[in-house]
Amino acid sequence: NPIPPRTKIDVLISPVFGVKVQYKNTVFETLPYVKPQKTQKPKTEATERKPYMPPDTHYFKYGHNLVKRLTYEDSDRDILKMLEEIFLRKYA
């Protein structure tokens, strides 16, 4: 019968017989554990990476041409004119 998982066992180590396991007064032989080597992916040829270029119909490529630019030139002139009337006016 195999030993159930998570069972407390006694490990016996000796230069005469090596490593053995004792479970319920029965001594079992052990097998050496060899860790398997990692499988390496085959190296593929290095592909040339190109940056993503959106198509000509993409909004972010020419979207700035679709929206009219907003300028405050007219309102700035009105503000400056108002300030000149207030501060540069000669009072009697």
PDB file of N, CA and C in Angstrom:
ATOM      1  N   ASN A   1       0.844  -1.193   0.000  1.00  0.00           N
ATOM      2  CA  ASN A   1       0.000   0.000   0.000  1.00  0.00           C
ATOM      3  C   ASN A   1       0.882   1.246   0.000  1.00  0.00           C
ATOM      4  N   PRO A   2       0.539   2.240  -0.831  1.00  0.00           N
ATOM      5  CA  PRO A   2       1.322   3.482  -0.812  1.00  0.00           C
ATOM      6  C   PRO A   2       1.038   4.272   0.457  1.00  0.00           C
ATOM      7  N   ILE A   3       1.983   5.101   0.800  1.00  0.00           N
ATOM      8  CA  ILE A   3       1.838   5.954   1.982  1.00  0.00           C
ATOM      9  C   ILE A   3       0.900   7.097   1.625  1.00  0.00           C
ATOM     10  N   PRO A   4      -0.133   7.346   2.471  1.00  0.00           N
ATOM     11  CA  PRO A   4      -1.046   8.453   2.167  1.00  0.00           C
ATOM     12  C   PRO A   4      -0.326   9.798   2.226  1.00  0.00           C
ATOM     13  N   PRO A   5      -0.826  10.784   1.485  1.00  0.00           N
ATOM     14  CA  PRO A   5      -0.196  12.108   1.536  1.00  0.00           C
ATOM     15  C   PRO A   5      -0.369  12.751   2.906  1.00  0.00           C
ATOM     16  N   ARG A   6       0.561  13.627   3.253  1.00  0.00           N
ATOM     17  CA  ARG A   6       0.576  14.378   4.519  1.00  0.00           C
ATOM     18  C   ARG A   6       0.566  13.468   5.745  1.00  0.00           C
ATOM     19  N   THR A   7       1.312  12.404   5.649  1.00  0.00           N
ATOM     20  CA  THR A   7       1.440  11.468   6.755  1.00  0.00           C
ATOM     21  C   THR A   7       2.794  11.679   7.404  1.00  0.00           C
ATOM     22  N   LYS A   8       2.836  11.580   8.726  1.00  0.00           N
ATOM     23  CA  LYS A   8       4.120  11.713   9.433  1.00  0.00           C
ATOM     24  C   LYS A   8       4.898  10.416   9.257  1.00  0.00           C
ATOM     25  N   ILE A   9       6.146  10.564   8.822  1.00  0.00           N
ATOM     26  CA  ILE A   9       7.010   9.411   8.593  1.00  0.00           C
ATOM     27  C   ILE A   9       8.333   9.660   9.285  1.00  0.00           C
ATOM     28  N   ASP A  10       9.110   8.584   9.451  1.00  0.00           N
ATOM     29  CA  ASP A  10      10.468   8.684   9.982  1.00  0.00           C
ATOM     30  C   ASP A  10      11.431   8.471   8.830  1.00  0.00           C
ATOM     31  N   VAL A  11      12.392   9.368   8.683  1.00  0.00           N
ATOM     32  CA  VAL A  11      13.396   9.253   7.636  1.00  0.00           C
ATOM     33  C   VAL A  11      14.653   8.678   8.272  1.00  0.00           C
ATOM     34  N   LEU A  12      15.128   7.548   7.754  1.00  0.00           N
ATOM     35  CA  LEU A  12      16.306   6.868   8.277  1.00  0.00           C
ATOM     36  C   LEU A  12      17.475   7.109   7.325  1.00  0.00           C
ATOM     37  N   ILE A  13      18.573   7.633   7.867  1.00  0.00           N
ATOM     38  CA  ILE A  13      19.742   7.941   7.046  1.00  0.00           C
ATOM     39  C   ILE A  13      20.931   7.192   7.635  1.00  0.00           C
ATOM     40  N   SER A  14      21.664   6.488   6.772  1.00  0.00           N
ATOM     41  CA  SER A  14      22.814   5.729   7.230  1.00  0.00           C
ATOM     42  C   SER A  14      23.822   5.633   6.093  1.00  0.00           C
ATOM     43  N   PRO A  15      25.123   5.626   6.412  1.00  0.00           N
ATOM     44  CA  PRO A  15      26.109   5.420   5.354  1.00  0.00           C
ATOM     45  C   PRO A  15      26.094   3.984   4.822  1.00  0.00           C
ATOM     46  N   VAL A  16      25.475   3.084   5.545  1.00  0.00           N
ATOM     47  CA  VAL A  16      25.430   1.686   5.118  1.00  0.00           C
ATOM     48  C   VAL A  16      24.312   1.468   4.100  1.00  0.00           C
ATOM     49  N   PHE A  17      23.082   1.895   4.420  1.00  0.00           N
ATOM     50  CA  PHE A  17      21.953   1.633   3.519  1.00  0.00           C
ATOM     51  C   PHE A  17      21.403   2.880   2.846  1.00  0.00           C
ATOM     52  N   GLY A  18      21.919   4.064   3.120  1.00  0.00           N
ATOM     53  CA  GLY A  18      21.485   5.293   2.455  1.00  0.00           C
ATOM     54  C   GLY A  18      20.280   5.910   3.141  1.00  0.00           C
ATOM     55  N   VAL A  19      19.262   6.232   2.366  1.00  0.00           N
ATOM     56  CA  VAL A  19      18.064   6.886   2.894  1.00  0.00           C
ATOM     57  C   VAL A  19      16.887   5.930   2.739  1.00  0.00           C
ATOM     58  N   LYS A  20      16.174   5.712   3.849  1.00  0.00           N
ATOM     59  CA  LYS A  20      14.969   4.878   3.832  1.00  0.00           C
ATOM     60  C   LYS A  20      13.896   5.586   4.643  1.00  0.00           C
ATOM     61  N   VAL A  21      12.630   5.144   4.458  1.00  0.00           N
ATOM     62  CA  VAL A  21      11.487   5.756   5.134  1.00  0.00           C
ATOM     63  C   VAL A  21      10.790   4.678   5.960  1.00  0.00           C
ATOM     64  N   GLN A  22      10.443   5.055   7.189  1.00  0.00           N
ATOM     65  CA  GLN A  22       9.726   4.115   8.048  1.00  0.00           C
ATOM     66  C   GLN A  22       8.321   4.665   8.308  1.00  0.00           C
ATOM     67  N   TYR A  23       7.316   3.808   8.049  1.00  0.00           N
ATOM     68  CA  TYR A  23       5.921   4.177   8.272  1.00  0.00           C
ATOM     69  C   TYR A  23       5.222   2.972   8.891  1.00  0.00           C
ATOM     70  N   LYS A  24       4.664   3.143  10.083  1.00  0.00           N
ATOM     71  CA  LYS A  24       3.977   2.069  10.827  1.00  0.00           C
ATOM     72  C   LYS A  24       4.841   0.807  10.921  1.00  0.00           C
ATOM     73  N   ASN A  25       6.074   1.001  11.395  1.00  0.00           N
ATOM     74  CA  ASN A  25       7.034  -0.078  11.608  1.00  0.00           C
ATOM     75  C   ASN A  25       7.381  -0.846  10.332  1.00  0.00           C
ATOM     76  N   THR A  26       7.130  -0.260   9.178  1.00  0.00           N
ATOM     77  CA  THR A  26       7.522  -0.850   7.901  1.00  0.00           C
ATOM     78  C   THR A  26       8.533   0.084   7.251  1.00  0.00           C
ATOM     79  N   VAL A  27       9.635  -0.469   6.787  1.00  0.00           N
ATOM     80  CA  VAL A  27      10.695   0.332   6.177  1.00  0.00           C
ATOM     81  C   VAL A  27      10.563   0.226   4.657  1.00  0.00           C
ATOM     82  N   PHE A  28      10.567   1.382   4.003  1.00  0.00           N
ATOM     83  CA  PHE A  28      10.423   1.453   2.543  1.00  0.00           C
ATOM     84  C   PHE A  28      11.704   1.977   1.923  1.00  0.00           C
ATOM     85  N   GLU A  29      12.002   1.465   0.725  1.00  0.00           N
ATOM     86  CA  GLU A  29      13.117   1.993  -0.054  1.00  0.00           C
ATOM     87  C   GLU A  29      12.699   3.344  -0.651  1.00  0.00           C
ATOM     88  N   THR A  30      13.658   4.193  -0.897  1.00  0.00           N
ATOM     89  CA  THR A  30      13.363   5.494  -1.509  1.00  0.00           C
ATOM     90  C   THR A  30      13.993   5.558  -2.889  1.00  0.00           C
ATOM     91  N   LEU A  31      13.391   6.350  -3.714  1.00  0.00           N
ATOM     92  CA  LEU A  31      13.929   6.598  -5.050  1.00  0.00           C
ATOM     93  C   LEU A  31      14.565   7.977  -5.061  1.00  0.00           C
ATOM     94  N   PRO A  32      15.711   8.109  -5.703  1.00  0.00           N
ATOM     95  CA  PRO A  32      16.321   9.444  -5.771  1.00  0.00           C
ATOM     96  C   PRO A  32      15.470  10.369  -6.638  1.00  0.00           C
ATOM     97  N   TYR A  33      15.310  11.580  -6.177  1.00  0.00           N
ATOM     98  CA  TYR A  33      14.524  12.575  -6.922  1.00  0.00           C
ATOM     99  C   TYR A  33      15.473  13.386  -7.786  1.00  0.00           C
ATOM    100  N   VAL A  34      15.201  13.385  -9.062  1.00  0.00           N
ATOM    101  CA  VAL A  34      15.987  14.180 -10.000  1.00  0.00           C
ATOM    102  C   VAL A  34      15.067  15.271 -10.517  1.00  0.00           C
ATOM    103  N   LYS A  35      15.445  16.502 -10.238  1.00  0.00           N
ATOM    104  CA  LYS A  35      14.630  17.629 -10.675  1.00  0.00           C
ATOM    105  C   LYS A  35      14.691  17.739 -12.196  1.00  0.00           C
ATOM    106  N   PRO A  36      13.530  17.784 -12.856  1.00  0.00           N
ATOM    107  CA  PRO A  36      13.564  17.867 -14.327  1.00  0.00           C
ATOM    108  C   PRO A  36      14.092  19.220 -14.785  1.00  0.00           C
ATOM    109  N   GLN A  37      14.790  19.178 -15.894  1.00  0.00           N
ATOM    110  CA  GLN A  37      15.326  20.427 -16.439  1.00  0.00           C
ATOM    111  C   GLN A  37      14.207  21.204 -17.108  1.00  0.00           C
ATOM    112  N   LYS A  38      14.346  22.505 -17.060  1.00  0.00           N
ATOM    113  CA  LYS A  38      13.366  23.362 -17.715  1.00  0.00           C
ATOM    114  C   LYS A  38      13.496  23.211 -19.227  1.00  0.00           C
ATOM    115  N   THR A  39      12.357  23.158 -19.863  1.00  0.00           N
ATOM    116  CA  THR A  39      12.391  23.095 -21.316  1.00  0.00           C
ATOM    117  C   THR A  39      12.553  24.505 -21.854  1.00  0.00           C
ATOM    118  N   GLN A  40      13.491  24.645 -22.731  1.00  0.00           N
ATOM    119  CA  GLN A  40      13.750  25.958 -23.299  1.00  0.00           C
ATOM    120  C   GLN A  40      13.021  26.075 -24.631  1.00  0.00           C
ATOM    121  N   LYS A  41      12.440  27.245 -24.826  1.00  0.00           N
ATOM    122  CA  LYS A  41      11.780  27.507 -26.099  1.00  0.00           C
ATOM    123  C   LYS A  41      12.840  27.667 -27.176  1.00  0.00           C
ATOM    124  N   PRO A  42      12.577  27.132 -28.342  1.00  0.00           N
ATOM    125  CA  PRO A  42      13.567  27.317 -29.408  1.00  0.00           C
ATOM    126  C   PRO A  42      13.656  28.793 -29.777  1.00  0.00           C
ATOM    127  N   LYS A  43      14.877  29.236 -29.926  1.00  0.00           N
ATOM    128  CA  LYS A  43      15.078  30.648 -30.252  1.00  0.00           C
ATOM    129  C   LYS A  43      14.656  30.900 -31.692  1.00  0.00           C
ATOM    130  N   THR A  44      13.811  31.883 -31.827  1.00  0.00           N
ATOM    131  CA  THR A  44      13.372  32.254 -33.166  1.00  0.00           C
ATOM    132  C   THR A  44      14.213  33.431 -33.639  1.00  0.00           C
ATOM    133  N   GLU A  45      14.158  33.656 -34.915  1.00  0.00           N
ATOM    134  CA  GLU A  45      14.910  34.782 -35.454  1.00  0.00           C
ATOM    135  C   GLU A  45      14.354  36.082 -34.895  1.00  0.00           C
ATOM    136  N   ALA A  46      15.237  37.009 -34.634  1.00  0.00           N
ATOM    137  CA  ALA A  46      14.817  38.304 -34.094  1.00  0.00           C
ATOM    138  C   ALA A  46      14.020  39.041 -35.163  1.00  0.00           C
ATOM    139  N   THR A  47      12.792  39.358 -34.821  1.00  0.00           N
ATOM    140  CA  THR A  47      11.966  40.090 -35.775  1.00  0.00           C
ATOM    141  C   THR A  47      12.157  41.579 -35.555  1.00  0.00           C
ATOM    142  N   GLU A  48      12.104  42.306 -36.626  1.00  0.00           N
ATOM    143  CA  GLU A  48      12.276  43.748 -36.540  1.00  0.00           C
ATOM    144  C   GLU A  48      10.994  44.360 -35.999  1.00  0.00           C
ATOM    145  N   ARG A  49      11.104  45.122 -34.944  1.00  0.00           N
ATOM    146  CA  ARG A  49       9.933  45.746 -34.340  1.00  0.00           C
ATOM    147  C   ARG A  49       9.733  47.124 -34.926  1.00  0.00           C
ATOM    148  N   LYS A  50       8.502  47.363 -35.331  1.00  0.00           N
ATOM    149  CA  LYS A  50       8.162  48.663 -35.893  1.00  0.00           C
ATOM    150  C   LYS A  50       7.141  49.332 -34.981  1.00  0.00           C
ATOM    151  N   PRO A  51       7.249  50.627 -34.793  1.00  0.00           N
ATOM    152  CA  PRO A  51       6.248  51.306 -33.970  1.00  0.00           C
ATOM    153  C   PRO A  51       4.893  51.303 -34.669  1.00  0.00           C
ATOM    154  N   TYR A  52       3.841  51.324 -33.865  1.00  0.00           N
ATOM    155  CA  TYR A  52       2.484  51.313 -34.413  1.00  0.00           C
ATOM    156  C   TYR A  52       2.183  52.667 -35.039  1.00  0.00           C
ATOM    157  N   MET A  53       1.727  52.639 -36.257  1.00  0.00           N
ATOM    158  CA  MET A  53       1.322  53.854 -36.957  1.00  0.00           C
ATOM    159  C   MET A  53      -0.165  53.731 -37.249  1.00  0.00           C
ATOM    160  N   PRO A  54      -0.999  54.627 -36.703  1.00  0.00           N
ATOM    161  CA  PRO A  54      -2.430  54.523 -36.974  1.00  0.00           C
ATOM    162  C   PRO A  54      -2.715  54.819 -38.442  1.00  0.00           C
ATOM    163  N   PRO A  55      -3.813  54.298 -38.963  1.00  0.00           N
ATOM    164  CA  PRO A  55      -4.142  54.558 -40.370  1.00  0.00           C
ATOM    165  C   PRO A  55      -4.484  56.033 -40.581  1.00  0.00           C
ATOM    166  N   ASP A  56      -4.502  56.451 -41.825  1.00  0.00           N
ATOM    167  CA  ASP A  56      -4.770  57.856 -42.133  1.00  0.00           C
ATOM    168  C   ASP A  56      -6.161  58.286 -41.712  1.00  0.00           C
ATOM    169  N   THR A  57      -7.076  57.351 -41.559  1.00  0.00           N
ATOM    170  CA  THR A  57      -8.442  57.697 -41.169  1.00  0.00           C
ATOM    171  C   THR A  57      -8.602  57.798 -39.658  1.00  0.00           C
ATOM    172  N   HIS A  58      -7.546  57.532 -38.914  1.00  0.00           N
ATOM    173  CA  HIS A  58      -7.647  57.556 -37.449  1.00  0.00           C
ATOM    174  C   HIS A  58      -7.797  58.984 -36.944  1.00  0.00           C
ATOM    175  N   TYR A  59      -8.650  59.169 -35.934  1.00  0.00           N
ATOM    176  CA  TYR A  59      -8.966  60.504 -35.422  1.00  0.00           C
ATOM    177  C   TYR A  59      -7.736  61.199 -34.857  1.00  0.00           C
ATOM    178  N   PHE A  60      -6.918  60.481 -34.101  1.00  0.00           N
ATOM    179  CA  PHE A  60      -5.788  61.117 -33.435  1.00  0.00           C
ATOM    180  C   PHE A  60      -4.705  61.555 -34.403  1.00  0.00           C
ATOM    181  N   LYS A  61      -4.725  61.038 -35.622  1.00  0.00           N
ATOM    182  CA  LYS A  61      -3.686  61.411 -36.569  1.00  0.00           C
ATOM    183  C   LYS A  61      -3.948  62.781 -37.184  1.00  0.00           C
ATOM    184  N   TYR A  62      -5.203  63.039 -37.549  1.00  0.00           N
ATOM    185  CA  TYR A  62      -5.525  64.326 -38.166  1.00  0.00           C
ATOM    186  C   TYR A  62      -6.680  65.014 -37.463  1.00  0.00           C
ATOM    187  N   GLY A  63      -6.954  64.654 -36.227  1.00  0.00           N
ATOM    188  CA  GLY A  63      -8.086  65.228 -35.498  1.00  0.00           C
ATOM    189  C   GLY A  63      -7.924  66.704 -35.205  1.00  0.00           C
ATOM    190  N   HIS A  64      -6.685  67.179 -35.098  1.00  0.00           N
ATOM    191  CA  HIS A  64      -6.476  68.597 -34.805  1.00  0.00           C
ATOM    192  C   HIS A  64      -6.944  69.474 -35.970  1.00  0.00           C
ATOM    193  N   ASN A  65      -7.007  68.915 -37.160  1.00  0.00           N
ATOM    194  CA  ASN A  65      -7.492  69.698 -38.310  1.00  0.00           C
ATOM    195  C   ASN A  65      -9.011  69.776 -38.345  1.00  0.00           C
ATOM    196  N   LEU A  66      -9.688  68.884 -37.641  1.00  0.00           N
ATOM    197  CA  LEU A  66     -11.143  68.843 -37.681  1.00  0.00           C
ATOM    198  C   LEU A  66     -11.787  69.849 -36.729  1.00  0.00           C
ATOM    199  N   VAL A  67     -11.054  70.271 -35.703  1.00  0.00           N
ATOM    200  CA  VAL A  67     -11.605  71.167 -34.691  1.00  0.00           C
ATOM    201  C   VAL A  67     -11.037  72.567 -34.913  1.00  0.00           C
ATOM    202  N   LYS A  68     -11.911  73.553 -34.906  1.00  0.00           N
ATOM    203  CA  LYS A  68     -11.469  74.935 -35.092  1.00  0.00           C
ATOM    204  C   LYS A  68     -10.722  75.384 -33.853  1.00  0.00           C
ATOM    205  N   ARG A  69      -9.605  76.065 -34.071  1.00  0.00           N
ATOM    206  CA  ARG A  69      -8.810  76.550 -32.946  1.00  0.00           C
ATOM    207  C   ARG A  69      -9.539  77.672 -32.233  1.00  0.00           C
ATOM    208  N   LEU A  70      -9.409  77.667 -30.933  1.00  0.00           N
ATOM    209  CA  LEU A  70     -10.062  78.663 -30.098  1.00  0.00           C
ATOM    210  C   LEU A  70      -9.033  79.716 -29.717  1.00  0.00           C
ATOM    211  N   THR A  71      -9.306  80.960 -30.034  1.00  0.00           N
ATOM    212  CA  THR A  71      -8.389  82.044 -29.668  1.00  0.00           C
ATOM    213  C   THR A  71      -9.137  83.054 -28.814  1.00  0.00           C
ATOM    214  N   TYR A  72      -8.413  83.695 -27.966  1.00  0.00           N
ATOM    215  CA  TYR A  72      -8.988  84.708 -27.076  1.00  0.00           C
ATOM    216  C   TYR A  72      -8.546  86.111 -27.495  1.00  0.00           C
ATOM    217  N   GLU A  73      -8.150  86.245 -28.739  1.00  0.00           N
ATOM    218  CA  GLU A  73      -7.619  87.519 -29.210  1.00  0.00           C
ATOM    219  C   GLU A  73      -8.654  88.642 -29.090  1.00  0.00           C
ATOM    220  N   ASP A  74      -9.892  88.398 -29.502  1.00  0.00           N
ATOM    221  CA  ASP A  74     -10.921  89.437 -29.439  1.00  0.00           C
ATOM    222  C   ASP A  74     -11.260  89.803 -28.000  1.00  0.00           C
ATOM    223  N   SER A  75     -11.404  88.798 -27.145  1.00  0.00           N
ATOM    224  CA  SER A  75     -11.769  89.103 -25.763  1.00  0.00           C
ATOM    225  C   SER A  75     -10.601  89.789 -25.052  1.00  0.00           C
ATOM    226  N   ASP A  76      -9.357  89.442 -25.403  1.00  0.00           N
ATOM    227  CA  ASP A  76      -8.207  90.109 -24.801  1.00  0.00           C
ATOM    228  C   ASP A  76      -8.186  91.593 -25.173  1.00  0.00           C
ATOM    229  N   ARG A  77      -8.505  91.897 -26.404  1.00  0.00           N
ATOM    230  CA  ARG A  77      -8.529  93.306 -26.819  1.00  0.00           C
ATOM    231  C   ARG A  77      -9.606  94.064 -26.062  1.00  0.00           C
ATOM    232  N   ASP A  78     -10.765  93.445 -25.874  1.00  0.00           N
ATOM    233  CA  ASP A  78     -11.835  94.103 -25.122  1.00  0.00           C
ATOM    234  C   ASP A  78     -11.412  94.361 -23.680  1.00  0.00           C
ATOM    235  N   ILE A  79     -10.727  93.401 -23.078  1.00  0.00           N
ATOM    236  CA  ILE A  79     -10.281  93.571 -21.685  1.00  0.00           C
ATOM    237  C   ILE A  79      -9.253  94.689 -21.591  1.00  0.00           C
ATOM    238  N   LEU A  80      -8.288  94.700 -22.523  1.00  0.00           N
ATOM    239  CA  LEU A  80      -7.275  95.761 -22.497  1.00  0.00           C
ATOM    240  C   LEU A  80      -7.908  97.134 -22.709  1.00  0.00           C
ATOM    241  N   LYS A  81      -8.886  97.219 -23.596  1.00  0.00           N
ATOM    242  CA  LYS A  81      -9.574  98.486 -23.839  1.00  0.00           C
ATOM    243  C   LYS A  81     -10.295  98.957 -22.579  1.00  0.00           C
ATOM    244  N   MET A  82     -10.954  98.056 -21.871  1.00  0.00           N
ATOM    245  CA  MET A  82     -11.656  98.396 -20.645  1.00  0.00           C
ATOM    246  C   MET A  82     -10.676  98.863 -19.567  1.00  0.00           C
ATOM    247  N   LEU A  83      -9.530  98.178 -19.437  1.00  0.00           N
ATOM    248  CA  LEU A  83      -8.540  98.572 -18.427  1.00  0.00           C
ATOM    249  C   LEU A  83      -7.922  99.936 -18.749  1.00  0.00           C
ATOM    250  N   GLU A  84      -7.696 100.210 -20.038  1.00  0.00           N
ATOM    251  CA  GLU A  84      -7.174 101.523 -20.414  1.00  0.00           C
ATOM    252  C   GLU A  84      -8.159 102.620 -20.064  1.00  0.00           C
ATOM    253  N   GLU A  85      -9.442 102.366 -20.275  1.00  0.00           N
ATOM    254  CA  GLU A  85     -10.454 103.369 -19.941  1.00  0.00           C
ATOM    255  C   GLU A  85     -10.484 103.626 -18.437  1.00  0.00           C
ATOM    256  N   ILE A  86     -10.279 102.585 -17.659  1.00  0.00           N
ATOM    257  CA  ILE A  86     -10.358 102.750 -16.198  1.00  0.00           C
ATOM    258  C   ILE A  86      -9.109 103.444 -15.667  1.00  0.00           C
ATOM    259  N   PHE A  87      -7.933 102.958 -16.016  1.00  0.00           N
ATOM    260  CA  PHE A  87      -6.704 103.426 -15.363  1.00  0.00           C
ATOM    261  C   PHE A  87      -6.001 104.568 -16.078  1.00  0.00           C
ATOM    262  N   LEU A  88      -6.176 104.721 -17.375  1.00  0.00           N
ATOM    263  CA  LEU A  88      -5.483 105.773 -18.089  1.00  0.00           C
ATOM    264  C   LEU A  88      -6.355 106.981 -18.350  1.00  0.00           C
ATOM    265  N   ARG A  89      -7.530 106.992 -17.863  1.00  0.00           N
ATOM    266  CA  ARG A  89      -8.448 108.110 -18.057  1.00  0.00           C
ATOM    267  C   ARG A  89      -8.076 109.227 -17.099  1.00  0.00           C
ATOM    268  N   LYS A  90      -8.096 110.439 -17.603  1.00  0.00           N
ATOM    269  CA  LYS A  90      -7.767 111.589 -16.747  1.00  0.00           C
ATOM    270  C   LYS A  90      -9.041 112.052 -16.072  1.00  0.00           C
ATOM    271  N   TYR A  91      -9.025 112.039 -14.785  1.00  0.00           N
ATOM    272  CA  TYR A  91     -10.178 112.524 -14.003  1.00  0.00           C
ATOM    273  C   TYR A  91      -9.986 113.991 -13.697  1.00  0.00           C
ATOM    274  N   ALA A  92     -11.063 114.747 -13.604  1.00  0.00           N
ATOM    275  CA  ALA A  92     -10.992 116.182 -13.331  1.00  0.00           C
ATOM    276  C   ALA A  92     -10.762 116.437 -11.867  1.00  0.00           C
TER     277      ALA A  92
END
